[in-house]
């Protein structure tokens, strides 16, 4: 599984909308949607923010090794 798939799966697992996550990350909805679709590279700062949002490590996000909830 690719990182953008993991980003989407985390959002769905935590029952959040794309808009809610985008707002939490200070991104536009369109910018966040591009990340979830794999149309945009994830900046390191955004990757860290995603990890902080879900209280996981970058390794957990990258390697799909997470069991988190907000």
N, C-alpha and C. Protein backbone atom coordinates (compact mmCIF):
# COMPACT_ATOMS: atom_id res chain seq x y z
N UNK A 1 0.84 -1.18 0.00
CA UNK A 1 0.00 0.00 0.00
C UNK A 1 0.89 1.25 0.00
N UNK A 2 0.46 2.26 -0.71
CA UNK A 2 1.21 3.49 -0.81
C UNK A 2 0.81 4.45 0.29
N UNK A 3 1.67 5.43 0.53
CA UNK A 3 1.43 6.38 1.62
C UNK A 3 0.09 7.08 1.46
N UNK A 4 -0.25 7.50 0.26
CA UNK A 4 -1.52 8.22 0.11
C UNK A 4 -2.71 7.33 0.42
N UNK A 5 -2.58 6.02 0.16
CA UNK A 5 -3.65 5.10 0.57
C UNK A 5 -3.76 5.05 2.09
N UNK A 6 -2.62 5.05 2.75
CA UNK A 6 -2.61 5.02 4.22
C UNK A 6 -3.23 6.29 4.80
N UNK A 7 -2.96 7.42 4.17
CA UNK A 7 -3.53 8.69 4.62
C UNK A 7 -5.06 8.62 4.55
N UNK A 8 -5.57 8.12 3.44
CA UNK A 8 -7.03 8.00 3.27
C UNK A 8 -7.60 7.00 4.27
N UNK A 9 -6.96 5.86 4.42
CA UNK A 9 -7.46 4.84 5.35
C UNK A 9 -7.51 5.33 6.78
N UNK A 10 -6.52 6.10 7.18
CA UNK A 10 -6.52 6.68 8.53
C UNK A 10 -7.71 7.62 8.71
N UNK A 11 -7.96 8.44 7.71
CA UNK A 11 -9.08 9.37 7.79
C UNK A 11 -10.39 8.62 7.92
N UNK A 12 -10.57 7.62 7.09
CA UNK A 12 -11.81 6.85 7.11
C UNK A 12 -11.95 6.08 8.43
N UNK A 13 -10.87 5.51 8.91
CA UNK A 13 -10.90 4.77 10.17
C UNK A 13 -11.34 5.66 11.33
N UNK A 14 -10.95 6.92 11.25
CA UNK A 14 -11.29 7.87 12.32
C UNK A 14 -12.56 8.65 12.03
N UNK A 15 -13.26 8.25 10.98
CA UNK A 15 -14.56 8.83 10.62
C UNK A 15 -14.50 10.35 10.48
N UNK A 16 -13.49 10.81 9.75
CA UNK A 16 -13.32 12.24 9.48
C UNK A 16 -13.60 12.51 8.01
N UNK A 17 -14.05 13.71 7.73
CA UNK A 17 -14.22 14.12 6.34
C UNK A 17 -12.90 14.68 5.82
N UNK A 18 -12.80 14.75 4.52
CA UNK A 18 -11.61 15.37 3.93
C UNK A 18 -11.48 16.82 4.38
N UNK A 19 -12.58 17.51 4.47
CA UNK A 19 -12.55 18.91 4.89
C UNK A 19 -12.05 19.05 6.32
N UNK A 20 -12.49 18.18 7.21
CA UNK A 20 -12.04 18.24 8.60
C UNK A 20 -10.52 18.04 8.70
N UNK A 21 -10.01 17.06 7.95
CA UNK A 21 -8.57 16.82 7.99
C UNK A 21 -7.82 17.97 7.34
N UNK A 22 -8.31 18.43 6.22
CA UNK A 22 -7.66 19.56 5.54
C UNK A 22 -7.57 20.77 6.47
N UNK A 23 -8.64 21.07 7.16
CA UNK A 23 -8.63 22.20 8.09
C UNK A 23 -7.65 21.98 9.23
N UNK A 24 -7.58 20.76 9.74
CA UNK A 24 -6.65 20.45 10.82
C UNK A 24 -5.20 20.60 10.38
N UNK A 25 -4.95 20.36 9.10
CA UNK A 25 -3.58 20.44 8.57
C UNK A 25 -3.28 21.80 7.95
N UNK A 26 -4.22 22.71 8.02
CA UNK A 26 -4.09 24.03 7.39
C UNK A 26 -3.83 23.92 5.90
N UNK A 27 -4.55 23.01 5.26
CA UNK A 27 -4.47 22.84 3.81
C UNK A 27 -5.83 23.18 3.21
N UNK A 28 -5.81 23.49 1.92
CA UNK A 28 -7.09 23.63 1.23
C UNK A 28 -7.67 22.23 1.03
N UNK A 29 -8.96 22.17 0.83
CA UNK A 29 -9.61 20.89 0.57
C UNK A 29 -9.01 20.26 -0.68
N UNK A 30 -8.83 21.05 -1.71
CA UNK A 30 -8.27 20.56 -2.97
C UNK A 30 -6.85 20.02 -2.76
N UNK A 31 -6.05 20.73 -1.99
CA UNK A 31 -4.69 20.29 -1.71
C UNK A 31 -4.67 18.96 -0.98
N UNK A 32 -5.57 18.80 -0.02
CA UNK A 32 -5.64 17.54 0.71
C UNK A 32 -6.15 16.42 -0.19
N UNK A 33 -7.14 16.70 -1.02
CA UNK A 33 -7.66 15.69 -1.93
C UNK A 33 -6.57 15.19 -2.87
N UNK A 34 -5.71 16.09 -3.32
CA UNK A 34 -4.61 15.69 -4.20
C UNK A 34 -3.66 14.73 -3.48
N UNK A 35 -3.44 14.93 -2.19
CA UNK A 35 -2.59 14.02 -1.42
C UNK A 35 -3.23 12.64 -1.37
N UNK A 36 -4.51 12.58 -1.03
CA UNK A 36 -5.21 11.30 -0.92
C UNK A 36 -5.25 10.54 -2.24
N UNK A 37 -5.26 11.25 -3.33
CA UNK A 37 -5.33 10.61 -4.65
C UNK A 37 -3.94 10.29 -5.20
N UNK A 38 -2.91 10.72 -4.51
CA UNK A 38 -1.56 10.48 -4.99
C UNK A 38 -1.15 11.40 -6.12
N UNK A 39 -1.84 12.53 -6.26
CA UNK A 39 -1.55 13.48 -7.33
C UNK A 39 -0.56 14.55 -6.88
N UNK A 40 -0.22 14.56 -5.62
CA UNK A 40 0.70 15.55 -5.06
C UNK A 40 1.61 14.86 -4.06
N UNK A 41 2.87 15.21 -4.12
CA UNK A 41 3.81 14.70 -3.11
C UNK A 41 3.47 15.31 -1.76
N UNK A 42 3.72 14.55 -0.72
CA UNK A 42 3.48 15.05 0.64
C UNK A 42 4.76 15.70 1.14
N UNK A 43 4.66 16.97 1.50
CA UNK A 43 5.80 17.66 2.10
C UNK A 43 6.10 17.03 3.45
N UNK A 44 7.35 17.07 3.85
CA UNK A 44 7.73 16.50 5.13
C UNK A 44 6.94 17.13 6.27
N UNK A 45 6.77 18.43 6.22
CA UNK A 45 6.03 19.11 7.29
C UNK A 45 4.58 18.63 7.35
N UNK A 46 3.98 18.36 6.19
CA UNK A 46 2.61 17.85 6.15
C UNK A 46 2.56 16.42 6.66
N UNK A 47 3.54 15.62 6.30
CA UNK A 47 3.60 14.24 6.79
C UNK A 47 3.67 14.22 8.31
N UNK A 48 4.50 15.09 8.88
CA UNK A 48 4.61 15.19 10.34
C UNK A 48 3.29 15.63 10.94
N UNK A 49 2.63 16.58 10.31
CA UNK A 49 1.34 17.06 10.82
C UNK A 49 0.28 15.95 10.78
N UNK A 50 0.29 15.15 9.73
CA UNK A 50 -0.65 14.02 9.64
C UNK A 50 -0.37 13.04 10.78
N UNK A 51 0.90 12.75 11.01
CA UNK A 51 1.27 11.83 12.09
C UNK A 51 0.84 12.39 13.45
N UNK A 52 1.04 13.67 13.66
CA UNK A 52 0.62 14.29 14.92
C UNK A 52 -0.89 14.25 15.09
N UNK A 53 -1.62 14.46 14.00
CA UNK A 53 -3.08 14.43 14.06
C UNK A 53 -3.59 13.07 14.54
N UNK A 54 -2.97 12.00 14.05
CA UNK A 54 -3.42 10.66 14.39
C UNK A 54 -2.59 10.00 15.50
N UNK A 55 -1.63 10.75 16.02
CA UNK A 55 -0.78 10.25 17.10
C UNK A 55 -0.05 8.95 16.70
N UNK A 56 0.57 9.00 15.53
CA UNK A 56 1.36 7.88 15.05
C UNK A 56 2.73 8.38 14.62
N UNK A 57 3.65 7.47 14.36
CA UNK A 57 4.98 7.84 13.88
C UNK A 57 5.00 7.84 12.35
N UNK A 58 5.97 8.53 11.76
CA UNK A 58 6.09 8.47 10.29
C UNK A 58 6.25 7.03 9.78
N UNK A 59 6.99 6.21 10.50
CA UNK A 59 7.14 4.81 10.07
C UNK A 59 5.80 4.10 10.04
N UNK A 60 4.97 4.36 11.03
CA UNK A 60 3.64 3.74 11.05
C UNK A 60 2.82 4.18 9.85
N UNK A 61 2.91 5.46 9.50
CA UNK A 61 2.17 5.97 8.35
C UNK A 61 2.72 5.39 7.05
N UNK A 62 4.01 5.39 6.90
CA UNK A 62 4.63 4.94 5.65
C UNK A 62 4.44 3.44 5.43
N UNK A 63 4.60 2.68 6.49
CA UNK A 63 4.56 1.22 6.35
C UNK A 63 3.22 0.59 6.73
N UNK A 64 2.18 1.43 6.89
CA UNK A 64 0.84 0.94 7.16
C UNK A 64 0.80 0.05 8.40
N UNK A 65 1.44 0.53 9.45
CA UNK A 65 1.51 -0.23 10.69
C UNK A 65 0.90 0.61 11.80
N UNK A 66 -0.39 0.90 11.69
CA UNK A 66 -1.03 1.76 12.66
C UNK A 66 -2.30 1.15 13.20
N UNK A 67 -2.56 1.47 14.43
CA UNK A 67 -3.84 1.11 15.07
C UNK A 67 -4.19 2.27 15.96
N UNK A 68 -4.72 3.30 15.37
CA UNK A 68 -4.94 4.53 16.13
C UNK A 68 -6.40 4.97 16.05
N UNK A 69 -6.72 5.82 16.94
CA UNK A 69 -7.99 6.55 16.88
C UNK A 69 -7.76 7.87 17.59
N UNK A 70 -8.52 8.84 17.20
CA UNK A 70 -8.38 10.17 17.79
C UNK A 70 -8.88 10.19 19.21
